[in-house]
C-alpha atoms as a PDB file:
ATOM      1  CA  MET A   1      28.236 -34.065  33.011  1.00  0.00           C
ATOM      2  CA  SER A   2      26.999 -36.588  34.468  1.00  0.00           C
ATOM      3  CA  ASP A   3      26.248 -39.186  31.899  1.00  0.00           C
ATOM      4  CA  PRO A   4      28.311 -39.604  29.136  1.00  0.00           C
ATOM      5  CA  LEU A   5      27.695 -41.321  25.629  1.00  0.00           C
ATOM      6  CA  ILE A   6      30.814 -42.849  23.994  1.00  0.00           C
ATOM      7  CA  LEU A   7      30.750 -43.017  20.635  1.00  0.00           C
ATOM      8  CA  ILE A   8      33.489 -44.379  17.873  1.00  0.00           C
ATOM      9  CA  PRO A   9      33.073 -43.147  14.237  1.00  0.00           C
ATOM     10  CA  ALA A  10      33.939 -45.753  11.578  1.00  0.00           C
ATOM     11  CA  ARG A  11      33.117 -46.272   7.531  1.00  0.00           C
ATOM     12  CA  MET A  12      35.270 -48.437   5.242  1.00  0.00           C
ATOM     13  CA  LYS A  13      35.696 -45.625   3.131  1.00  0.00           C
ATOM     14  CA  ALA A  14      39.549 -44.720   3.648  1.00  0.00           C
ATOM     15  CA  THR A  15      41.266 -44.175   0.484  1.00  0.00           C
ATOM     16  CA  ARG A  16      44.883 -44.618   1.481  1.00  0.00           C
ATOM     17  CA  LEU A  17      43.726 -47.210   3.708  1.00  0.00           C
ATOM     18  CA  PRO A  18      41.123 -49.118   2.088  1.00  0.00           C
ATOM     19  CA  GLY A  19      39.088 -51.195   5.042  1.00  0.00           C
ATOM     20  CA  LYS A  20      41.180 -49.231   7.558  1.00  0.00           C
ATOM     21  CA  PRO A  21      38.721 -49.423  10.422  1.00  0.00           C
ATOM     22  CA  LEU A  22      39.254 -54.041   9.786  1.00  0.00           C
ATOM     23  CA  ALA A  23      43.207 -54.070   9.609  1.00  0.00           C
ATOM     24  CA  ASP A  24      44.128 -56.452  11.617  1.00  0.00           C
ATOM     25  CA  ILE A  25      46.288 -55.318  14.669  1.00  0.00           C
ATOM     26  CA  HIS A  26      48.040 -58.601  16.470  1.00  0.00           C
ATOM     27  CA  GLY A  27      44.336 -60.827  15.563  1.00  0.00           C
ATOM     28  CA  GLU A  28      41.877 -58.191  16.079  1.00  0.00           C
ATOM     29  CA  PRO A  29      40.164 -55.572  13.694  1.00  0.00           C
ATOM     30  CA  MET A  30      41.370 -51.787  14.321  1.00  0.00           C
ATOM     31  CA  ILE A  31      38.070 -50.702  15.285  1.00  0.00           C
ATOM     32  CA  VAL A  32      37.568 -53.713  17.930  1.00  0.00           C
ATOM     33  CA  ARG A  33      40.572 -52.481  19.503  1.00  0.00           C
ATOM     34  CA  VAL A  34      39.838 -48.933  19.721  1.00  0.00           C
ATOM     35  CA  TRP A  35      36.258 -49.945  20.892  1.00  0.00           C
ATOM     36  CA  ARG A  36      38.203 -51.618  23.750  1.00  0.00           C
ATOM     37  CA  LYS A  37      39.768 -49.173  24.835  1.00  0.00           C
ATOM     38  CA  ALA A  38      36.778 -46.612  25.312  1.00  0.00           C
ATOM     39  CA  VAL A  39      35.168 -49.483  27.465  1.00  0.00           C
ATOM     40  CA  ALA A  40      38.111 -49.705  29.679  1.00  0.00           C
ATOM     41  CA  ALA A  41      38.178 -45.853  30.069  1.00  0.00           C
ATOM     42  CA  GLY A  42      35.203 -46.446  32.108  1.00  0.00           C
ATOM     43  CA  ILE A  43      33.133 -43.217  31.743  1.00  0.00           C
ATOM     44  CA  GLY A  44      29.949 -44.673  30.273  1.00  0.00           C
ATOM     45  CA  PRO A  45      28.519 -47.045  27.497  1.00  0.00           C
ATOM     46  CA  VAL A  46      29.918 -47.048  23.960  1.00  0.00           C
ATOM     47  CA  ALA A  47      28.803 -48.048  20.872  1.00  0.00           C
ATOM     48  CA  VAL A  48      30.588 -47.333  17.339  1.00  0.00           C
ATOM     49  CA  ALA A  49      28.614 -45.754  14.589  1.00  0.00           C
ATOM     50  CA  THR A  50      29.034 -46.825  11.167  1.00  0.00           C
ATOM     51  CA  ASP A  51      27.481 -47.045   7.585  1.00  0.00           C
ATOM     52  CA  SER A  52      29.218 -50.769   6.992  1.00  0.00           C
ATOM     53  CA  ALA A  53      27.666 -54.051   8.180  1.00  0.00           C
ATOM     54  CA  GLU A  54      31.231 -55.523   8.185  1.00  0.00           C
ATOM     55  CA  ILE A  55      32.480 -53.134  10.823  1.00  0.00           C
ATOM     56  CA  CYS A  56      29.165 -53.356  12.587  1.00  0.00           C
ATOM     57  CA  ALA A  57      29.771 -57.381  12.486  1.00  0.00           C
ATOM     58  CA  ALA A  58      33.098 -57.195  13.537  1.00  0.00           C
ATOM     59  CA  VAL A  59      32.372 -54.881  16.613  1.00  0.00           C
ATOM     60  CA  GLU A  60      29.156 -57.305  17.534  1.00  0.00           C
ATOM     61  CA  ALA A  61      31.273 -60.286  16.624  1.00  0.00           C
ATOM     62  CA  ALA A  62      33.598 -59.044  20.065  1.00  0.00           C
ATOM     63  CA  GLY A  63      30.838 -58.276  22.334  1.00  0.00           C
ATOM     64  CA  GLY A  64      30.464 -54.631  21.430  1.00  0.00           C
ATOM     65  CA  ARG A  65      27.588 -52.477  20.450  1.00  0.00           C
ATOM     66  CA  ALA A  66      26.850 -50.960  16.787  1.00  0.00           C
ATOM     67  CA  VAL A  67      24.503 -48.945  15.451  1.00  0.00           C
ATOM     68  CA  MET A  68      23.873 -48.445  11.604  1.00  0.00           C
ATOM     69  CA  THR A  69      23.946 -44.591  10.437  1.00  0.00           C
ATOM     70  CA  SER A  70      23.901 -42.840   6.896  1.00  0.00           C
ATOM     71  CA  GLU A  71      26.013 -43.588   4.218  1.00  0.00           C
ATOM     72  CA  ALA A  72      25.863 -39.682   3.319  1.00  0.00           C
ATOM     73  CA  HIS A  73      27.438 -38.151   6.324  1.00  0.00           C
ATOM     74  CA  PRO A  74      30.256 -35.736   5.609  1.00  0.00           C
ATOM     75  CA  SER A  75      31.981 -36.222   9.093  1.00  0.00           C
ATOM     76  CA  GLY A  76      32.383 -38.387  11.672  1.00  0.00           C
ATOM     77  CA  SER A  77      30.144 -35.124  13.805  1.00  0.00           C
ATOM     78  CA  ASP A  78      27.893 -35.876  11.542  1.00  0.00           C
ATOM     79  CA  ARG A  79      27.593 -39.667  12.417  1.00  0.00           C
ATOM     80  CA  ILE A  80      27.858 -39.350  15.842  1.00  0.00           C
ATOM     81  CA  LYS A  81      25.274 -37.039  15.855  1.00  0.00           C
ATOM     82  CA  GLU A  82      22.904 -39.555  14.202  1.00  0.00           C
ATOM     83  CA  ALA A  83      23.902 -42.531  16.736  1.00  0.00           C
ATOM     84  CA  ALA A  84      23.252 -40.186  19.538  1.00  0.00           C
ATOM     85  CA  ASP A  85      19.555 -39.684  18.445  1.00  0.00           C
ATOM     86  CA  ILE A  86      19.291 -43.528  17.481  1.00  0.00           C
ATOM     87  CA  LEU A  87      20.440 -44.888  21.050  1.00  0.00           C
ATOM     88  CA  ASP A  88      19.264 -41.633  22.994  1.00  0.00           C
ATOM     89  CA  PRO A  89      16.055 -40.065  21.463  1.00  0.00           C
ATOM     90  CA  ASP A  90      15.087 -38.771  24.984  1.00  0.00           C
ATOM     91  CA  GLY A  91      18.438 -37.198  25.600  1.00  0.00           C
ATOM     92  CA  LEU A  92      19.470 -38.640  28.790  1.00  0.00           C
ATOM     93  CA  HIS A  93      23.001 -38.700  28.162  1.00  0.00           C
ATOM     94  CA  ASP A  94      24.138 -35.198  28.265  1.00  0.00           C
ATOM     95  CA  VAL A  95      27.761 -35.442  27.065  1.00  0.00           C
ATOM     96  CA  ILE A  96      28.719 -37.468  23.596  1.00  0.00           C
ATOM     97  CA  VAL A  97      32.617 -38.273  23.300  1.00  0.00           C
ATOM     98  CA  ASN A  98      33.520 -38.548  19.759  1.00  0.00           C
ATOM     99  CA  VAL A  99      36.530 -40.881  19.828  1.00  0.00           C
ATOM    100  CA  GLN A 100      38.090 -41.795  16.699  1.00  0.00           C
ATOM    101  CA  GLY A 101      38.589 -45.000  15.089  1.00  0.00           C
ATOM    102  CA  ASP A 102      41.974 -44.747  14.045  1.00  0.00           C
ATOM    103  CA  PHE A 103      43.709 -44.286  17.310  1.00  0.00           C
ATOM    104  CA  PRO A 104      44.549 -47.577  18.972  1.00  0.00           C
ATOM    105  CA  THR A 105      47.056 -46.555  20.983  1.00  0.00           C
ATOM    106  CA  LEU A 106      44.909 -44.498  22.830  1.00  0.00           C
ATOM    107  CA  GLU A 107      44.857 -44.881  26.301  1.00  0.00           C
ATOM    108  CA  PRO A 108      42.200 -44.808  28.334  1.00  0.00           C
ATOM    109  CA  ALA A 109      43.125 -42.596  30.601  1.00  0.00           C
ATOM    110  CA  ALA A 110      42.954 -39.863  27.801  1.00  0.00           C
ATOM    111  CA  ILE A 111      39.731 -40.943  26.879  1.00  0.00           C
ATOM    112  CA  ALA A 112      38.434 -40.316  30.480  1.00  0.00           C
ATOM    113  CA  ALA A 113      40.637 -37.123  30.359  1.00  0.00           C
ATOM    114  CA  SER A 114      38.417 -35.856  27.675  1.00  0.00           C
ATOM    115  CA  ILE A 115      35.241 -34.882  29.321  1.00  0.00           C
ATOM    116  CA  LEU A 116      37.039 -32.898  32.397  1.00  0.00           C
ATOM    117  CA  PRO A 117      36.948 -29.382  31.195  1.00  0.00           C
ATOM    118  CA  LEU A 118      32.961 -29.809  30.452  1.00  0.00           C
ATOM    119  CA  SER A 119      32.955 -29.683  34.335  1.00  0.00           C
ATOM    120  CA  ASP A 120      32.711 -25.765  34.017  1.00  0.00           C
ATOM    121  CA  PRO A 121      29.885 -24.851  32.388  1.00  0.00           C
ATOM    122  CA  ALA A 122      31.109 -22.373  30.377  1.00  0.00           C
ATOM    123  CA  VAL A 123      32.930 -24.923  28.309  1.00  0.00           C
ATOM    124  CA  ASP A 124      31.130 -26.437  25.666  1.00  0.00           C
ATOM    125  CA  ILE A 125      33.370 -28.680  24.011  1.00  0.00           C
ATOM    126  CA  ALA A 126      36.536 -30.485  25.658  1.00  0.00           C
ATOM    127  CA  THR A 127      39.746 -31.727  23.787  1.00  0.00           C
ATOM    128  CA  LEU A 128      42.957 -32.946  24.313  1.00  0.00           C
ATOM    129  CA  VAL A 129      46.547 -32.059  23.508  1.00  0.00           C
ATOM    130  CA  GLY A 130      50.315 -33.112  23.779  1.00  0.00           C
ATOM    131  CA  LEU A 131      53.200 -31.163  24.275  1.00  0.00           C
ATOM    132  CA  ILE A 132      55.207 -31.339  20.946  1.00  0.00           C
ATOM    133  CA  THR A 133      58.589 -32.488  21.286  1.00  0.00           C
ATOM    134  CA  GLU A 134      59.374 -33.767  17.942  1.00  0.00           C
ATOM    135  CA  GLU A 135      61.496 -30.844  15.982  1.00  0.00           C
ATOM    136  CA  GLU A 136      59.493 -32.149  12.218  1.00  0.00           C
ATOM    137  CA  GLU A 137      56.143 -32.126  14.160  1.00  0.00           C
ATOM    138  CA  LYS A 138      56.351 -28.319  14.987  1.00  0.00           C
ATOM    139  CA  THR A 139      56.517 -27.878  11.021  1.00  0.00           C
ATOM    140  CA  ALA A 140      54.187 -30.625   9.623  1.00  0.00           C
ATOM    141  CA  PRO A 141      51.087 -29.304   8.439  1.00  0.00           C
ATOM    142  CA  SER A 142      49.925 -32.770   9.506  1.00  0.00           C
ATOM    143  CA  VAL A 143      50.497 -31.945  13.042  1.00  0.00           C
ATOM    144  CA  VAL A 144      47.475 -29.618  14.368  1.00  0.00           C
ATOM    145  CA  LYS A 145      48.392 -27.144  16.632  1.00  0.00           C
ATOM    146  CA  LEU A 146      46.124 -25.767  18.857  1.00  0.00           C
ATOM    147  CA  ILE A 147      46.721 -21.917  20.489  1.00  0.00           C
ATOM    148  CA  GLY A 148      45.223 -21.505  23.676  1.00  0.00           C
ATOM    149  CA  SER A 149      45.808 -19.644  27.174  1.00  0.00           C
ATOM    150  CA  PRO A 150      46.156 -21.682  30.547  1.00  0.00           C
ATOM    151  CA  VAL A 151      42.774 -21.703  32.714  1.00  0.00           C
ATOM    152  CA  ALA A 152      43.275 -24.240  35.321  1.00  0.00           C
ATOM    153  CA  PRO A 153      46.830 -26.911  35.959  1.00  0.00           C
ATOM    154  CA  GLY A 154      47.336 -29.162  32.604  1.00  0.00           C
ATOM    155  CA  ARG A 155      44.193 -26.899  31.276  1.00  0.00           C
ATOM    156  CA  LEU A 156      44.035 -24.812  27.780  1.00  0.00           C
ATOM    157  CA  ARG A 157      41.497 -22.730  26.509  1.00  0.00           C
ATOM    158  CA  ALA A 158      41.378 -23.116  22.691  1.00  0.00           C
ATOM    159  CA  LEU A 159      41.755 -19.369  21.098  1.00  0.00           C
ATOM    160  CA  TYR A 160      42.951 -21.157  17.690  1.00  0.00           C
ATOM    161  CA  PHE A 161      43.874 -24.592  15.906  1.00  0.00           C
ATOM    162  CA  THR A 162      46.233 -24.682  12.684  1.00  0.00           C
ATOM    163  CA  ARG A 163      48.460 -26.444  10.279  1.00  0.00           C
ATOM    164  CA  ALA A 164      51.356 -23.803  10.792  1.00  0.00           C
ATOM    165  CA  THR A 165      53.563 -23.103  13.399  1.00  0.00           C
ATOM    166  CA  ALA A 166      52.658 -21.440  16.313  1.00  0.00           C
ATOM    167  CA  PRO A 167      52.319 -19.495  18.098  1.00  0.00           C
ATOM    168  CA  TYR A 168      55.332 -17.539  17.424  1.00  0.00           C
ATOM    169  CA  GLY A 169      58.194 -17.422  19.820  1.00  0.00           C
ATOM    170  CA  GLU A 170      59.561 -19.340  22.602  1.00  0.00           C
ATOM    171  CA  GLY A 171      57.549 -21.384  24.190  1.00  0.00           C
ATOM    172  CA  PRO A 172      55.554 -24.867  23.817  1.00  0.00           C
ATOM    173  CA  LEU A 173      53.854 -25.980  20.979  1.00  0.00           C
ATOM    174  CA  TYR A 174      50.700 -28.358  21.349  1.00  0.00           C
ATOM    175  CA  HIS A 175      49.853 -30.852  19.050  1.00  0.00           C
ATOM    176  CA  HIS A 176      46.018 -31.158  19.130  1.00  0.00           C
ATOM    177  CA  VAL A 177      44.449 -34.737  19.834  1.00  0.00           C
ATOM    178  CA  GLY A 178      41.074 -35.087  17.131  1.00  0.00           C
ATOM    179  CA  ILE A 179      38.851 -36.352  20.225  1.00  0.00           C
ATOM    180  CA  TYR A 180      35.749 -34.120  21.646  1.00  0.00           C
ATOM    181  CA  ALA A 181      33.511 -34.208  23.966  1.00  0.00           C
ATOM    182  CA  TYR A 182      30.511 -32.468  23.214  1.00  0.00           C
ATOM    183  CA  ARG A 183      27.718 -31.399  25.658  1.00  0.00           C
ATOM    184  CA  ARG A 184      24.795 -32.453  23.991  1.00  0.00           C
ATOM    185  CA  ARG A 185      23.323 -29.324  22.742  1.00  0.00           C
ATOM    186  CA  ALA A 186      26.629 -27.875  21.935  1.00  0.00           C
ATOM    187  CA  LEU A 187      26.476 -31.108  19.861  1.00  0.00           C
ATOM    188  CA  ASP A 188      23.245 -30.082  18.209  1.00  0.00           C
ATOM    189  CA  ARG A 189      24.425 -26.626  17.711  1.00  0.00           C
ATOM    190  CA  PHE A 190      27.547 -27.497  15.616  1.00  0.00           C
ATOM    191  CA  VAL A 191      26.052 -29.852  13.133  1.00  0.00           C
ATOM    192  CA  GLY A 192      23.699 -27.336  11.944  1.00  0.00           C
ATOM    193  CA  LEU A 193      26.250 -24.791  11.310  1.00  0.00           C
ATOM    194  CA  PRO A 194      27.284 -24.261   8.123  1.00  0.00           C
ATOM    195  CA  GLN A 195      31.264 -24.821   7.215  1.00  0.00           C
ATOM    196  CA  SER A 196      32.765 -21.574   8.309  1.00  0.00           C
ATOM    197  CA  THR A 197      35.427 -19.459   6.073  1.00  0.00           C
ATOM    198  CA  LEU A 198      38.329 -20.318   8.544  1.00  0.00           C
ATOM    199  CA  GLU A 199      37.402 -24.311   8.757  1.00  0.00           C
ATOM    200  CA  LYS A 200      37.508 -24.164   5.024  1.00  0.00           C
ATOM    201  CA  ARG A 201      40.473 -22.690   4.425  1.00  0.00           C
ATOM    202  CA  GLU A 202      42.773 -25.072   7.025  1.00  0.00           C
ATOM    203  CA  SER A 203      40.577 -28.187   6.604  1.00  0.00           C
ATOM    204  CA  LEU A 204      39.714 -28.048  10.383  1.00  0.00           C
ATOM    205  CA  GLU A 205      36.234 -28.514  11.241  1.00  0.00           C
ATOM    206  CA  GLN A 206      36.745 -27.854  15.301  1.00  0.00           C
ATOM    207  CA  LEU A 207      37.395 -23.822  13.430  1.00  0.00           C
ATOM    208  CA  ARG A 208      33.302 -23.998  12.675  1.00  0.00           C
ATOM    209  CA  ALA A 209      32.444 -24.073  17.057  1.00  0.00           C
ATOM    210  CA  LEU A 210      35.238 -21.428  17.620  1.00  0.00           C
ATOM    211  CA  GLU A 211      33.888 -19.068  14.966  1.00  0.00           C
ATOM    212  CA  ASP A 212      30.381 -19.442  16.056  1.00  0.00           C
ATOM    213  CA  GLY A 213      31.469 -17.957  19.376  1.00  0.00           C
ATOM    214  CA  MET A 214      31.791 -21.913  21.029  1.00  0.00           C
ATOM    215  CA  ARG A 215      34.112 -22.434  23.982  1.00  0.00           C
ATOM    216  CA  ILE A 216      36.674 -25.387  23.695  1.00  0.00           C
ATOM    217  CA  ASP A 217      39.377 -26.027  26.499  1.00  0.00           C
ATOM    218  CA  ALA A 218      41.669 -29.102  26.028  1.00  0.00           C
ATOM    219  CA  MET A 219      43.674 -31.089  28.711  1.00  0.00           C
ATOM    220  CA  ILE A 220      46.882 -32.038  28.211  1.00  0.00           C
ATOM    221  CA  ILE A 221      48.251 -35.408  28.307  1.00  0.00           C
ATOM    222  CA  ASP A 222      51.543 -37.001  28.836  1.00  0.00           C
ATOM    223  CA  HIS A 223      50.951 -39.718  25.113  1.00  0.00           C
ATOM    224  CA  VAL A 224      50.241 -38.017  22.012  1.00  0.00           C
ATOM    225  CA  PRO A 225      48.528 -41.558  19.883  1.00  0.00           C
ATOM    226  CA  ARG A 226      48.968 -40.841  16.039  1.00  0.00           C
ATOM    227  CA  GLY A 227      45.926 -41.509  14.179  1.00  0.00           C
ATOM    228  CA  VAL A 228      46.222 -44.423  11.054  1.00  0.00           C
ATOM    229  CA  ASP A 229      45.858 -43.052   7.699  1.00  0.00           C
ATOM    230  CA  THR A 230      48.297 -45.313   5.769  1.00  0.00           C
ATOM    231  CA  PRO A 231      50.250 -48.283   5.540  1.00  0.00           C
ATOM    232  CA  PRO A 232      53.158 -47.208   7.473  1.00  0.00           C
ATOM    233  CA  ASP A 233      51.407 -45.467  10.242  1.00  0.00           C
ATOM    234  CA  LEU A 234      49.535 -48.785  10.366  1.00  0.00           C
ATOM    235  CA  ASP A 235      52.855 -50.190  10.520  1.00  0.00           C
ATOM    236  CA  ARG A 236      53.653 -48.357  13.922  1.00  0.00           C
ATOM    237  CA  ALA A 237      50.649 -48.872  15.344  1.00  0.00           C
ATOM    238  CA  ARG A 238      50.939 -52.641  15.610  1.00  0.00           C
ATOM    239  CA  ALA A 239      54.627 -51.590  16.699  1.00  0.00           C
ATOM    240  CA  VAL A 240      53.654 -50.083  19.689  1.00  0.00           C
ATOM    241  CA  LEU A 241      51.341 -52.274  20.245  1.00  0.00           C
ATOM    242  CA  LYS A 242      53.820 -55.075  20.452  1.00  0.00           C
ATOM    243  CA  THR A 243      56.347 -53.456  22.532  1.00  0.00           C
ATOM    244  CA  ALA A 244      53.402 -52.254  24.533  1.00  0.00           C
ATOM    245  CA  ALA A 245      51.996 -55.712  25.120  1.00  0.00           C
ATOM    246  CA  GLY A 246      55.383 -57.226  26.381  1.00  0.00           C
ATOM    247  CA  ALA A 247      56.322 -54.850  28.262  1.00  0.00           C
END
């Protein structure tokens, strides 16, 4: 875990919010804001992986690095695999961090925390979770929950991910934050696997890794960023960042 590479997949084909990566947030495209957060994490070089010349131009105009990838990728994981192979064909970066391009409220410290479980050689993939505090989120299918066992202070070993309310009974529920830090060999293995039964049932690609016997551990963070998928999500992100800027 000596040399991470942070990659941010982004494409223009979102149906609920067309042109999402270039949506303006207080004078700056959303993808540029996410890129700045990733750079501020300070754990390694950062690049945006895209199939859009517009996104590439916006990132480069801000001083960032972007790499053009195929339009045919079915997921962000496949896109960052191609980008990693282009940018680092010799495999010198042993960890690839996948930061979602629609998380403009993500804190740099959270990105830095995402790689911590990989200090354990038994862990293949690392991610993040936050405690669910709002009652409606406990039952919302849009909020993915991690079911896990504590293995260290502030860290869980993932046993399952689900859109249902789980686990049953008294105790905390954890909201999964869709950021992944892969060992390079784990990313190669993951994208080479066919879709799994539970992955297709829950529409959660991380279940493919668990069903194949890969280990995923998650760090618990204090702040859960919400992704931007709809116009109301974008309005909320603008409000959060305006408040943060004025604090």
